[in-house]
Amino acid sequence: RARDPVLDRDVALTLFNTRDETEHQQLLDEGRRLSRI
């Protein structure tokens, strides 16, 4: 549980345990797709 100062509200925060740059890009791409739903 985290506080987003920009949105001024509590949010759920997920941090992924990976150091692989390819996986980073895949997770960011998935986040962009999910944000449109």
PDB file of all heavy atoms in Angstrom:
ATOM      1  N   ARG A   1       0.884  -1.162   0.000  1.00  0.00           N
ATOM      2  CA  ARG A   1       0.000   0.000   0.000  1.00  0.00           C
ATOM      3  C   ARG A   1       0.918   1.207   0.000  1.00  0.00           C
ATOM      4  O   ARG A   1       1.904   1.249   0.747  1.00  0.00           O
ATOM      5  CB  ARG A   1      -0.856  -0.019   1.262  1.00  0.00           C
ATOM      6  CG  ARG A   1      -1.819   1.109   1.354  1.00  0.00           C
ATOM      7  CD  ARG A   1      -2.743   0.899   2.570  1.00  0.00           C
ATOM      8  NE  ARG A   1      -3.441   2.122   2.835  1.00  0.00           N
ATOM      9  CZ  ARG A   1      -3.371   2.802   3.974  1.00  0.00           C
ATOM     10  NH1 ARG A   1      -2.654   2.340   4.974  1.00  0.00           N
ATOM     11  NH2 ARG A   1      -4.016   3.926   4.115  1.00  0.00           N
ATOM     12  N   ALA A   2       0.624   2.172  -0.875  1.00  0.00           N
ATOM     13  CA  ALA A   2       1.501   3.337  -1.002  1.00  0.00           C
ATOM     14  C   ALA A   2       0.672   4.602  -1.178  1.00  0.00           C
ATOM     15  O   ALA A   2      -0.517   4.545  -1.481  1.00  0.00           O
ATOM     16  CB  ALA A   2       2.433   3.149  -2.198  1.00  0.00           C
ATOM     17  N   ARG A   3       1.331   5.722  -0.991  1.00  0.00           N
ATOM     18  CA  ARG A   3       0.695   7.028  -1.187  1.00  0.00           C
ATOM     19  C   ARG A   3       1.304   7.667  -2.420  1.00  0.00           C
ATOM     20  O   ARG A   3       2.521   7.866  -2.508  1.00  0.00           O
ATOM     21  CB  ARG A   3       0.931   7.923   0.029  1.00  0.00           C
ATOM     22  CG  ARG A   3       0.225   9.249  -0.043  1.00  0.00           C
ATOM     23  CD  ARG A   3      -1.242   9.074   0.220  1.00  0.00           C
ATOM     24  NE  ARG A   3      -1.944  10.344   0.101  1.00  0.00           N
ATOM     25  CZ  ARG A   3      -3.240  10.449   0.145  1.00  0.00           C
ATOM     26  NH1 ARG A   3      -3.985   9.384   0.315  1.00  0.00           N
ATOM     27  NH2 ARG A   3      -3.812  11.610   0.020  1.00  0.00           N
ATOM     28  N   ASP A   4       0.444   7.980  -3.400  1.00  0.00           N
ATOM     29  CA  ASP A   4       0.887   8.647  -4.621  1.00  0.00           C
ATOM     30  C   ASP A   4       0.718  10.150  -4.413  1.00  0.00           C
ATOM     31  O   ASP A   4      -0.411  10.642  -4.319  1.00  0.00           O
ATOM     32  CB  ASP A   4       0.052   8.176  -5.806  1.00  0.00           C
ATOM     33  CG  ASP A   4       0.544   8.734  -7.127  1.00  0.00           C
ATOM     34  OD1 ASP A   4       1.064   9.863  -7.154  1.00  0.00           O
ATOM     35  OD2 ASP A   4       0.401   8.035  -8.144  1.00  0.00           O
ATOM     36  N   PRO A   5       1.823  10.901  -4.324  1.00  0.00           N
ATOM     37  CA  PRO A   5       1.706  12.338  -4.075  1.00  0.00           C
ATOM     38  C   PRO A   5       1.136  13.114  -5.259  1.00  0.00           C
ATOM     39  O   PRO A   5       0.547  14.176  -5.071  1.00  0.00           O
ATOM     40  CB  PRO A   5       3.146  12.769  -3.776  1.00  0.00           C
ATOM     41  CG  PRO A   5       3.988  11.749  -4.451  1.00  0.00           C
ATOM     42  CD  PRO A   5       3.208  10.465  -4.417  1.00  0.00           C
ATOM     43  N   VAL A   6       1.279  12.591  -6.456  1.00  0.00           N
ATOM     44  CA  VAL A   6       0.746  13.267  -7.639  1.00  0.00           C
ATOM     45  C   VAL A   6      -0.776  13.139  -7.673  1.00  0.00           C
ATOM     46  O   VAL A   6      -1.492  14.112  -7.901  1.00  0.00           O
ATOM     47  CB  VAL A   6       1.369  12.697  -8.931  1.00  0.00           C
ATOM     48  CG1 VAL A   6       0.728  13.314 -10.158  1.00  0.00           C
ATOM     49  CG2 VAL A   6       2.870  12.920  -8.938  1.00  0.00           C
ATOM     50  N   LEU A   7      -1.285  11.928  -7.430  1.00  0.00           N
ATOM     51  CA  LEU A   7      -2.730  11.691  -7.429  1.00  0.00           C
ATOM     52  C   LEU A   7      -3.362  12.051  -6.085  1.00  0.00           C
ATOM     53  O   LEU A   7      -4.578  12.135  -5.974  1.00  0.00           O
ATOM     54  CB  LEU A   7      -3.026  10.227  -7.752  1.00  0.00           C
ATOM     55  CG  LEU A   7      -2.554   9.733  -9.113  1.00  0.00           C
ATOM     56  CD1 LEU A   7      -2.824   8.238  -9.255  1.00  0.00           C
ATOM     57  CD2 LEU A   7      -3.223  10.504 -10.234  1.00  0.00           C
ATOM     58  N   ASP A   8      -2.526  12.246  -5.046  1.00  0.00           N
ATOM     59  CA  ASP A   8      -2.973  12.562  -3.692  1.00  0.00           C
ATOM     60  C   ASP A   8      -3.966  11.529  -3.166  1.00  0.00           C
ATOM     61  O   ASP A   8      -5.044  11.865  -2.688  1.00  0.00           O
ATOM     62  CB  ASP A   8      -3.571  13.970  -3.636  1.00  0.00           C
ATOM     63  CG  ASP A   8      -3.754  14.445  -2.203  1.00  0.00           C
ATOM     64  OD1 ASP A   8      -2.974  14.023  -1.330  1.00  0.00           O
ATOM     65  OD2 ASP A   8      -4.702  15.216  -1.952  1.00  0.00           O
ATOM     66  N   ARG A   9      -3.561  10.242  -3.287  1.00  0.00           N
ATOM     67  CA  ARG A   9      -4.407   9.169  -2.769  1.00  0.00           C
ATOM     68  C   ARG A   9      -3.581   7.910  -2.561  1.00  0.00           C
ATOM     69  O   ARG A   9      -2.479   7.777  -3.088  1.00  0.00           O
ATOM     70  CB  ARG A   9      -5.573   8.882  -3.704  1.00  0.00           C
ATOM     71  CG  ARG A   9      -5.178   8.351  -5.058  1.00  0.00           C
ATOM     72  CD  ARG A   9      -6.414   8.068  -5.871  1.00  0.00           C
ATOM     73  NE  ARG A   9      -6.043   7.664  -7.212  1.00  0.00           N
ATOM     74  CZ  ARG A   9      -6.889   7.447  -8.164  1.00  0.00           C
ATOM     75  NH1 ARG A   9      -8.173   7.598  -7.948  1.00  0.00           N
ATOM     76  NH2 ARG A   9      -6.480   7.077  -9.350  1.00  0.00           N
ATOM     77  N   ASP A  10      -4.158   7.001  -1.769  1.00  0.00           N
ATOM     78  CA  ASP A  10      -3.518   5.710  -1.547  1.00  0.00           C
ATOM     79  C   ASP A  10      -3.721   4.832  -2.772  1.00  0.00           C
ATOM     80  O   ASP A  10      -4.782   4.868  -3.405  1.00  0.00           O
ATOM     81  CB  ASP A  10      -4.106   5.018  -0.319  1.00  0.00           C
ATOM     82  CG  ASP A  10      -3.716   5.708   0.980  1.00  0.00           C
ATOM     83  OD1 ASP A  10      -2.905   6.649   0.936  1.00  0.00           O
ATOM     84  OD2 ASP A  10      -4.221   5.293   2.027  1.00  0.00           O
ATOM     85  N   VAL A  11      -2.697   4.049  -3.085  1.00  0.00           N
ATOM     86  CA  VAL A  11      -2.733   3.164  -4.247  1.00  0.00           C
ATOM     87  C   VAL A  11      -2.124   1.812  -3.873  1.00  0.00           C
ATOM     88  O   VAL A  11      -1.430   1.691  -2.861  1.00  0.00           O
ATOM     89  CB  VAL A  11      -1.956   3.757  -5.449  1.00  0.00           C
ATOM     90  CG1 VAL A  11      -2.593   5.050  -5.931  1.00  0.00           C
ATOM     91  CG2 VAL A  11      -0.495   3.984  -5.096  1.00  0.00           C
ATOM     92  N   ALA A  12      -2.387   0.811  -4.688  1.00  0.00           N
ATOM     93  CA  ALA A  12      -1.710  -0.476  -4.574  1.00  0.00           C
ATOM     94  C   ALA A  12      -0.470  -0.409  -5.453  1.00  0.00           C
ATOM     95  O   ALA A  12      -0.540   0.036  -6.596  1.00  0.00           O
ATOM     96  CB  ALA A  12      -2.630  -1.601  -5.027  1.00  0.00           C
ATOM     97  N   LEU A  13       0.656  -0.852  -4.914  1.00  0.00           N
ATOM     98  CA  LEU A  13       1.923  -0.791  -5.635  1.00  0.00           C
ATOM     99  C   LEU A  13       2.477  -2.195  -5.773  1.00  0.00           C
ATOM    100  O   LEU A  13       2.543  -2.937  -4.794  1.00  0.00           O
ATOM    101  CB  LEU A  13       2.913   0.086  -4.865  1.00  0.00           C
ATOM    102  CG  LEU A  13       4.330   0.189  -5.411  1.00  0.00           C
ATOM    103  CD1 LEU A  13       4.329   0.934  -6.749  1.00  0.00           C
ATOM    104  CD2 LEU A  13       5.237   0.889  -4.406  1.00  0.00           C
ATOM    105  N   THR A  14       2.843  -2.568  -6.995  1.00  0.00           N
ATOM    106  CA  THR A  14       3.473  -3.861  -7.247  1.00  0.00           C
ATOM    107  C   THR A  14       4.886  -3.611  -7.745  1.00  0.00           C
ATOM    108  O   THR A  14       5.080  -2.877  -8.709  1.00  0.00           O
ATOM    109  CB  THR A  14       2.697  -4.656  -8.315  1.00  0.00           C
ATOM    110  OG1 THR A  14       1.341  -4.790  -7.903  1.00  0.00           O
ATOM    111  CG2 THR A  14       3.295  -6.032  -8.502  1.00  0.00           C
ATOM    112  N   LEU A  15       5.867  -4.212  -7.082  1.00  0.00           N
ATOM    113  CA  LEU A  15       7.261  -4.139  -7.508  1.00  0.00           C
ATOM    114  C   LEU A  15       7.684  -5.535  -7.951  1.00  0.00           C
ATOM    115  O   LEU A  15       7.565  -6.496  -7.185  1.00  0.00           O
ATOM    116  CB  LEU A  15       8.162  -3.660  -6.367  1.00  0.00           C
ATOM    117  CG  LEU A  15       7.907  -2.247  -5.870  1.00  0.00           C
ATOM    118  CD1 LEU A  15       8.747  -1.950  -4.640  1.00  0.00           C
ATOM    119  CD2 LEU A  15       8.199  -1.241  -6.962  1.00  0.00           C
ATOM    120  N   PHE A  16       8.155  -5.638  -9.179  1.00  0.00           N
ATOM    121  CA  PHE A  16       8.538  -6.935  -9.739  1.00  0.00           C
ATOM    122  C   PHE A  16      10.002  -7.229  -9.448  1.00  0.00           C
ATOM    123  O   PHE A  16      10.856  -6.357  -9.572  1.00  0.00           O
ATOM    124  CB  PHE A  16       8.268  -6.963 -11.245  1.00  0.00           C
ATOM    125  CG  PHE A  16       6.800  -6.916 -11.557  1.00  0.00           C
ATOM    126  CD1 PHE A  16       6.177  -5.713 -11.834  1.00  0.00           C
ATOM    127  CD2 PHE A  16       6.033  -8.064 -11.549  1.00  0.00           C
ATOM    128  CE1 PHE A  16       4.824  -5.652 -12.101  1.00  0.00           C
ATOM    129  CE2 PHE A  16       4.680  -8.021 -11.816  1.00  0.00           C
ATOM    130  CZ  PHE A  16       4.076  -6.808 -12.093  1.00  0.00           C
ATOM    131  N   ASN A  17      10.289  -8.459  -9.063  1.00  0.00           N
ATOM    132  CA  ASN A  17      11.637  -8.893  -8.691  1.00  0.00           C
ATOM    133  C   ASN A  17      12.375  -9.441  -9.905  1.00  0.00           C
ATOM    134  O   ASN A  17      12.510 -10.642 -10.068  1.00  0.00           O
ATOM    135  CB  ASN A  17      11.562  -9.975  -7.604  1.00  0.00           C
ATOM    136  CG  ASN A  17      10.870  -9.493  -6.361  1.00  0.00           C
ATOM    137  OD1 ASN A  17      11.015  -8.340  -5.983  1.00  0.00           O
ATOM    138  ND2 ASN A  17      10.118 -10.359  -5.726  1.00  0.00           N
ATOM    139  N   THR A  18      12.834  -8.569 -10.757  1.00  0.00           N
ATOM    140  CA  THR A  18      13.620  -8.987 -11.917  1.00  0.00           C
ATOM    141  C   THR A  18      14.645  -7.914 -12.240  1.00  0.00           C
ATOM    142  O   THR A  18      14.393  -6.731 -12.050  1.00  0.00           O
ATOM    143  CB  THR A  18      12.747  -9.268 -13.143  1.00  0.00           C
ATOM    144  OG1 THR A  18      13.595  -9.654 -14.223  1.00  0.00           O
ATOM    145  CG2 THR A  18      11.934  -8.063 -13.563  1.00  0.00           C
ATOM    146  N   ARG A  19      15.784  -8.334 -12.705  1.00  0.00           N
ATOM    147  CA  ARG A  19      16.830  -7.399 -13.141  1.00  0.00           C
ATOM    148  C   ARG A  19      17.074  -7.519 -14.643  1.00  0.00           C
ATOM    149  O   ARG A  19      17.924  -6.847 -15.181  1.00  0.00           O
ATOM    150  CB  ARG A  19      18.137  -7.671 -12.382  1.00  0.00           C
ATOM    151  CG  ARG A  19      18.030  -7.465 -10.889  1.00  0.00           C
ATOM    152  CD  ARG A  19      17.937  -6.003 -10.575  1.00  0.00           C
ATOM    153  NE  ARG A  19      17.830  -5.786  -9.134  1.00  0.00           N
ATOM    154  CZ  ARG A  19      17.382  -4.675  -8.615  1.00  0.00           C
ATOM    155  NH1 ARG A  19      17.014  -3.691  -9.379  1.00  0.00           N
ATOM    156  NH2 ARG A  19      17.307  -4.526  -7.324  1.00  0.00           N
ATOM    157  N   ASP A  20      16.309  -8.354 -15.319  1.00  0.00           N
ATOM    158  CA  ASP A  20      16.463  -8.594 -16.752  1.00  0.00           C
ATOM    159  C   ASP A  20      15.836  -7.443 -17.548  1.00  0.00           C
ATOM    160  O   ASP A  20      14.644  -7.165 -17.409  1.00  0.00           O
ATOM    161  CB  ASP A  20      15.793  -9.927 -17.115  1.00  0.00           C
ATOM    162  CG  ASP A  20      15.930 -10.254 -18.567  1.00  0.00           C
ATOM    163  OD1 ASP A  20      16.961 -10.845 -18.950  1.00  0.00           O
ATOM    164  OD2 ASP A  20      14.997  -9.918 -19.333  1.00  0.00           O
ATOM    165  N   GLU A  21      16.628  -6.760 -18.375  1.00  0.00           N
ATOM    166  CA  GLU A  21      16.153  -5.605 -19.142  1.00  0.00           C
ATOM    167  C   GLU A  21      15.032  -5.972 -20.117  1.00  0.00           C
ATOM    168  O   GLU A  21      14.101  -5.186 -20.319  1.00  0.00           O
ATOM    169  CB  GLU A  21      17.309  -4.946 -19.896  1.00  0.00           C
ATOM    170  CG  GLU A  21      18.297  -4.242 -18.994  1.00  0.00           C
ATOM    171  CD  GLU A  21      17.664  -3.085 -18.218  1.00  0.00           C
ATOM    172  OE1 GLU A  21      16.816  -2.371 -18.783  1.00  0.00           O
ATOM    173  OE2 GLU A  21      18.024  -2.919 -17.046  1.00  0.00           O
ATOM    174  N   THR A  22      15.103  -7.147 -20.721  1.00  0.00           N
ATOM    175  CA  THR A  22      14.040  -7.580 -21.638  1.00  0.00           C
ATOM    176  C   THR A  22      12.729  -7.759 -20.883  1.00  0.00           C
ATOM    177  O   THR A  22      11.669  -7.328 -21.338  1.00  0.00           O
ATOM    178  CB  THR A  22      14.433  -8.901 -22.333  1.00  0.00           C
ATOM    179  OG1 THR A  22      15.657  -8.699 -23.030  1.00  0.00           O
ATOM    180  CG2 THR A  22      13.359  -9.365 -23.294  1.00  0.00           C
ATOM    181  N   GLU A  23      12.806  -8.354 -19.704  1.00  0.00           N
ATOM    182  CA  GLU A  23      11.602  -8.536 -18.886  1.00  0.00           C
ATOM    183  C   GLU A  23      11.072  -7.191 -18.394  1.00  0.00           C
ATOM    184  O   GLU A  23       9.857  -6.992 -18.314  1.00  0.00           O
ATOM    185  CB  GLU A  23      11.897  -9.462 -17.713  1.00  0.00           C
ATOM    186  CG  GLU A  23      10.634  -9.966 -17.057  1.00  0.00           C
ATOM    187  CD  GLU A  23      10.890 -11.092 -16.076  1.00  0.00           C
ATOM    188  OE1 GLU A  23      12.026 -11.568 -15.948  1.00  0.00           O
ATOM    189  OE2 GLU A  23       9.905 -11.491 -15.432  1.00  0.00           O
ATOM    190  N   HIS A  24      11.970  -6.259 -18.092  1.00  0.00           N
ATOM    191  CA  HIS A  24      11.534  -4.900 -17.714  1.00  0.00           C
ATOM    192  C   HIS A  24      10.664  -4.310 -18.818  1.00  0.00           C
ATOM    193  O   HIS A  24       9.593  -3.768 -18.553  1.00  0.00           O
ATOM    194  CB  HIS A  24      12.735  -3.984 -17.495  1.00  0.00           C
ATOM    195  CG  HIS A  24      13.396  -4.165 -16.176  1.00  0.00           C
ATOM    196  ND1 HIS A  24      14.363  -3.314 -15.738  1.00  0.00           N
ATOM    197  CD2 HIS A  24      13.250  -5.093 -15.201  1.00  0.00           C
ATOM    198  CE1 HIS A  24      14.791  -3.705 -14.543  1.00  0.00           C
ATOM    199  NE2 HIS A  24      14.135  -4.780 -14.206  1.00  0.00           N
ATOM    200  N   GLN A  25      11.146  -4.396 -20.055  1.00  0.00           N
ATOM    201  CA  GLN A  25      10.406  -3.825 -21.177  1.00  0.00           C
ATOM    202  C   GLN A  25       9.060  -4.527 -21.367  1.00  0.00           C
ATOM    203  O   GLN A  25       8.050  -3.877 -21.631  1.00  0.00           O
ATOM    204  CB  GLN A  25      11.230  -3.897 -22.469  1.00  0.00           C
ATOM    205  CG  GLN A  25      10.649  -3.078 -23.589  1.00  0.00           C
ATOM    206  CD  GLN A  25      10.485  -1.611 -23.218  1.00  0.00           C
ATOM    207  OE1 GLN A  25      11.407  -0.983 -22.724  1.00  0.00           O
ATOM    208  NE2 GLN A  25       9.312  -1.059 -23.434  1.00  0.00           N
ATOM    209  N   GLN A  26       9.038  -5.838 -21.201  1.00  0.00           N
ATOM    210  CA  GLN A  26       7.779  -6.582 -21.331  1.00  0.00           C
ATOM    211  C   GLN A  26       6.779  -6.163 -20.252  1.00  0.00           C
ATOM    212  O   GLN A  26       5.591  -5.995 -20.537  1.00  0.00           O
ATOM    213  CB  GLN A  26       8.042  -8.089 -21.240  1.00  0.00           C
ATOM    214  CG  GLN A  26       8.778  -8.642 -22.434  1.00  0.00           C
ATOM    215  CD  GLN A  26       9.234 -10.079 -22.236  1.00  0.00           C
ATOM    216  OE1 GLN A  26       9.287 -10.590 -21.113  1.00  0.00           O
ATOM    217  NE2 GLN A  26       9.570 -10.737 -23.336  1.00  0.00           N
ATOM    218  N   LEU A  27       7.257  -5.975 -19.026  1.00  0.00           N
ATOM    219  CA  LEU A  27       6.370  -5.550 -17.939  1.00  0.00           C
ATOM    220  C   LEU A  27       5.844  -4.135 -18.176  1.00  0.00           C
ATOM    221  O   LEU A  27       4.669  -3.851 -17.930  1.00  0.00           O
ATOM    222  CB  LEU A  27       7.104  -5.632 -16.604  1.00  0.00           C
ATOM    223  CG  LEU A  27       7.379  -7.042 -16.089  1.00  0.00           C
ATOM    224  CD1 LEU A  27       8.400  -7.001 -14.954  1.00  0.00           C
ATOM    225  CD2 LEU A  27       6.096  -7.720 -15.642  1.00  0.00           C
ATOM    226  N   LEU A  28       6.692  -3.240 -18.651  1.00  0.00           N
ATOM    227  CA  LEU A  28       6.245  -1.875 -18.951  1.00  0.00           C
ATOM    228  C   LEU A  28       5.232  -1.868 -20.093  1.00  0.00           C
ATOM    229  O   LEU A  28       4.235  -1.137 -20.043  1.00  0.00           O
ATOM    230  CB  LEU A  28       7.440  -0.984 -19.280  1.00  0.00           C
ATOM    231  CG  LEU A  28       8.376  -0.689 -18.111  1.00  0.00           C
ATOM    232  CD1 LEU A  28       9.625   0.028 -18.602  1.00  0.00           C
ATOM    233  CD2 LEU A  28       7.672   0.108 -17.036  1.00  0.00           C
ATOM    234  N   ASP A  29       5.458  -2.683 -21.117  1.00  0.00           N
ATOM    235  CA  ASP A  29       4.502  -2.799 -22.225  1.00  0.00           C
ATOM    236  C   ASP A  29       3.164  -3.324 -21.724  1.00  0.00           C
ATOM    237  O   ASP A  29       2.107  -2.832 -22.120  1.00  0.00           O
ATOM    238  CB  ASP A  29       5.044  -3.720 -23.324  1.00  0.00           C
ATOM    239  CG  ASP A  29       6.213  -3.120 -24.091  1.00  0.00           C
ATOM    240  OD1 ASP A  29       6.416  -1.889 -24.002  1.00  0.00           O
ATOM    241  OD2 ASP A  29       6.919  -3.887 -24.773  1.00  0.00           O
ATOM    242  N   GLU A  30       3.208  -4.327 -20.839  1.00  0.00           N
ATOM    243  CA  GLU A  30       1.968  -4.874 -20.282  1.00  0.00           C
ATOM    244  C   GLU A  30       1.239  -3.821 -19.452  1.00  0.00           C
ATOM    245  O   GLU A  30       0.017  -3.693 -19.531  1.00  0.00           O
ATOM    246  CB  GLU A  30       2.273  -6.096 -19.419  1.00  0.00           C
ATOM    247  CG  GLU A  30       1.027  -6.731 -18.842  1.00  0.00           C
ATOM    248  CD  GLU A  30       1.311  -7.984 -18.050  1.00  0.00           C
ATOM    249  OE1 GLU A  30       2.467  -8.459 -18.035  1.00  0.00           O
ATOM    250  OE2 GLU A  30       0.373  -8.499 -17.438  1.00  0.00           O
ATOM    251  N   GLY A  31       1.977  -3.027 -18.689  1.00  0.00           N
ATOM    252  CA  GLY A  31       1.373  -1.952 -17.917  1.00  0.00           C
ATOM    253  C   GLY A  31       0.671  -0.939 -18.803  1.00  0.00           C
ATOM    254  O   GLY A  31      -0.423  -0.477 -18.489  1.00  0.00           O
ATOM    255  N   ARG A  32       1.278  -0.610 -19.942  1.00  0.00           N
ATOM    256  CA  ARG A  32       0.644   0.330 -20.883  1.00  0.00           C
ATOM    257  C   ARG A  32      -0.656  -0.243 -21.437  1.00  0.00           C
ATOM    258  O   ARG A  32      -1.665   0.459 -21.547  1.00  0.00           O
ATOM    259  CB  ARG A  32       1.599   0.651 -22.030  1.00  0.00           C
ATOM    260  CG  ARG A  32       2.685   1.607 -21.648  1.00  0.00           C
ATOM    261  CD  ARG A  32       3.537   2.012 -22.864  1.00  0.00           C
ATOM    262  NE  ARG A  32       4.831   2.413 -22.397  1.00  0.00           N
ATOM    263  CZ  ARG A  32       5.913   1.649 -22.349  1.00  0.00           C
ATOM    264  NH1 ARG A  32       5.871   0.411 -22.788  1.00  0.00           N
ATOM    265  NH2 ARG A  32       7.052   2.108 -21.888  1.00  0.00           N
ATOM    266  N   ARG A  33      -0.619  -1.529 -21.807  1.00  0.00           N
ATOM    267  CA  ARG A  33      -1.838  -2.164 -22.332  1.00  0.00           C
ATOM    268  C   ARG A  33      -2.929  -2.220 -21.266  1.00  0.00           C
ATOM    269  O   ARG A  33      -4.087  -1.901 -21.530  1.00  0.00           O
ATOM    270  CB  ARG A  33      -1.524  -3.564 -22.849  1.00  0.00           C
ATOM    271  CG  ARG A  33      -0.734  -3.579 -24.152  1.00  0.00           C
ATOM    272  CD  ARG A  33      -0.644  -4.973 -24.751  1.00  0.00           C
ATOM    273  NE  ARG A  33       0.016  -5.932 -23.884  1.00  0.00           N
ATOM    274  CZ  ARG A  33       1.330  -6.129 -23.815  1.00  0.00           C
ATOM    275  NH1 ARG A  33       2.148  -5.421 -24.579  1.00  0.00           N
ATOM    276  NH2 ARG A  33       1.847  -7.024 -23.001  1.00  0.00           N
ATOM    277  N   LEU A  34      -2.566  -2.614 -20.050  1.00  0.00           N
ATOM    278  CA  LEU A  34      -3.550  -2.717 -18.975  1.00  0.00           C
ATOM    279  C   LEU A  34      -4.126  -1.356 -18.588  1.00  0.00           C
ATOM    280  O   LEU A  34      -5.281  -1.270 -18.163  1.00  0.00           O
ATOM    281  CB  LEU A  34      -2.916  -3.379 -17.754  1.00  0.00           C
ATOM    282  CG  LEU A  34      -2.575  -4.859 -17.888  1.00  0.00           C
ATOM    283  CD1 LEU A  34      -1.774  -5.330 -16.682  1.00  0.00           C
ATOM    284  CD2 LEU A  34      -3.832  -5.696 -18.052  1.00  0.00           C
ATOM    285  N   SER A  35      -3.360  -0.297 -18.742  1.00  0.00           N
ATOM    286  CA  SER A  35      -3.851   1.038 -18.367  1.00  0.00           C
ATOM    287  C   SER A  35      -4.990   1.516 -19.262  1.00  0.00           C
ATOM    288  O   SER A  35      -5.721   2.424 -18.890  1.00  0.00           O
ATOM    289  CB  SER A  35      -2.713   2.053 -18.387  1.00  0.00           C
ATOM    290  OG  SER A  35      -2.318   2.342 -19.717  1.00  0.00           O
ATOM    291  N   ARG A  36      -5.163   0.893 -20.412  1.00  0.00           N
ATOM    292  CA  ARG A  36      -6.241   1.291 -21.334  1.00  0.00           C
ATOM    293  C   ARG A  36      -7.565   0.581 -21.040  1.00  0.00           C
ATOM    294  O   ARG A  36      -8.591   0.938 -21.591  1.00  0.00           O
ATOM    295  CB  ARG A  36      -5.818   1.027 -22.770  1.00  0.00           C
ATOM    296  CG  ARG A  36      -4.674   1.926 -23.221  1.00  0.00           C
ATOM    297  CD  ARG A  36      -4.429   1.845 -24.708  1.00  0.00           C
ATOM    298  NE  ARG A  36      -3.813   0.594 -25.109  1.00  0.00           N
ATOM    299  CZ  ARG A  36      -2.507   0.396 -25.275  1.00  0.00           C
ATOM    300  NH1 ARG A  36      -1.670   1.380 -25.045  1.00  0.00           N
ATOM    301  NH2 ARG A  36      -2.035  -0.759 -25.664  1.00  0.00           N
ATOM    302  N   ILE A  37      -7.534  -0.425 -20.164  1.00  0.00           N
ATOM    303  CA  ILE A  37      -8.752  -1.174 -19.855  1.00  0.00           C
ATOM    304  C   ILE A  37      -9.605  -0.400 -18.864  1.00  0.00           C
ATOM    305  O   ILE A  37      -9.120   0.074 -17.835  1.00  0.00           O
ATOM    306  CB  ILE A  37      -8.399  -2.564 -19.272  1.00  0.00           C
ATOM    307  CG1 ILE A  37      -7.668  -3.392 -20.320  1.00  0.00           C
ATOM    308  CG2 ILE A  37      -9.655  -3.271 -18.776  1.00  0.00           C
ATOM    309  CD1 ILE A  37      -7.154  -4.712 -19.801  1.00  0.00           C
TER     310      ILE A  37
END
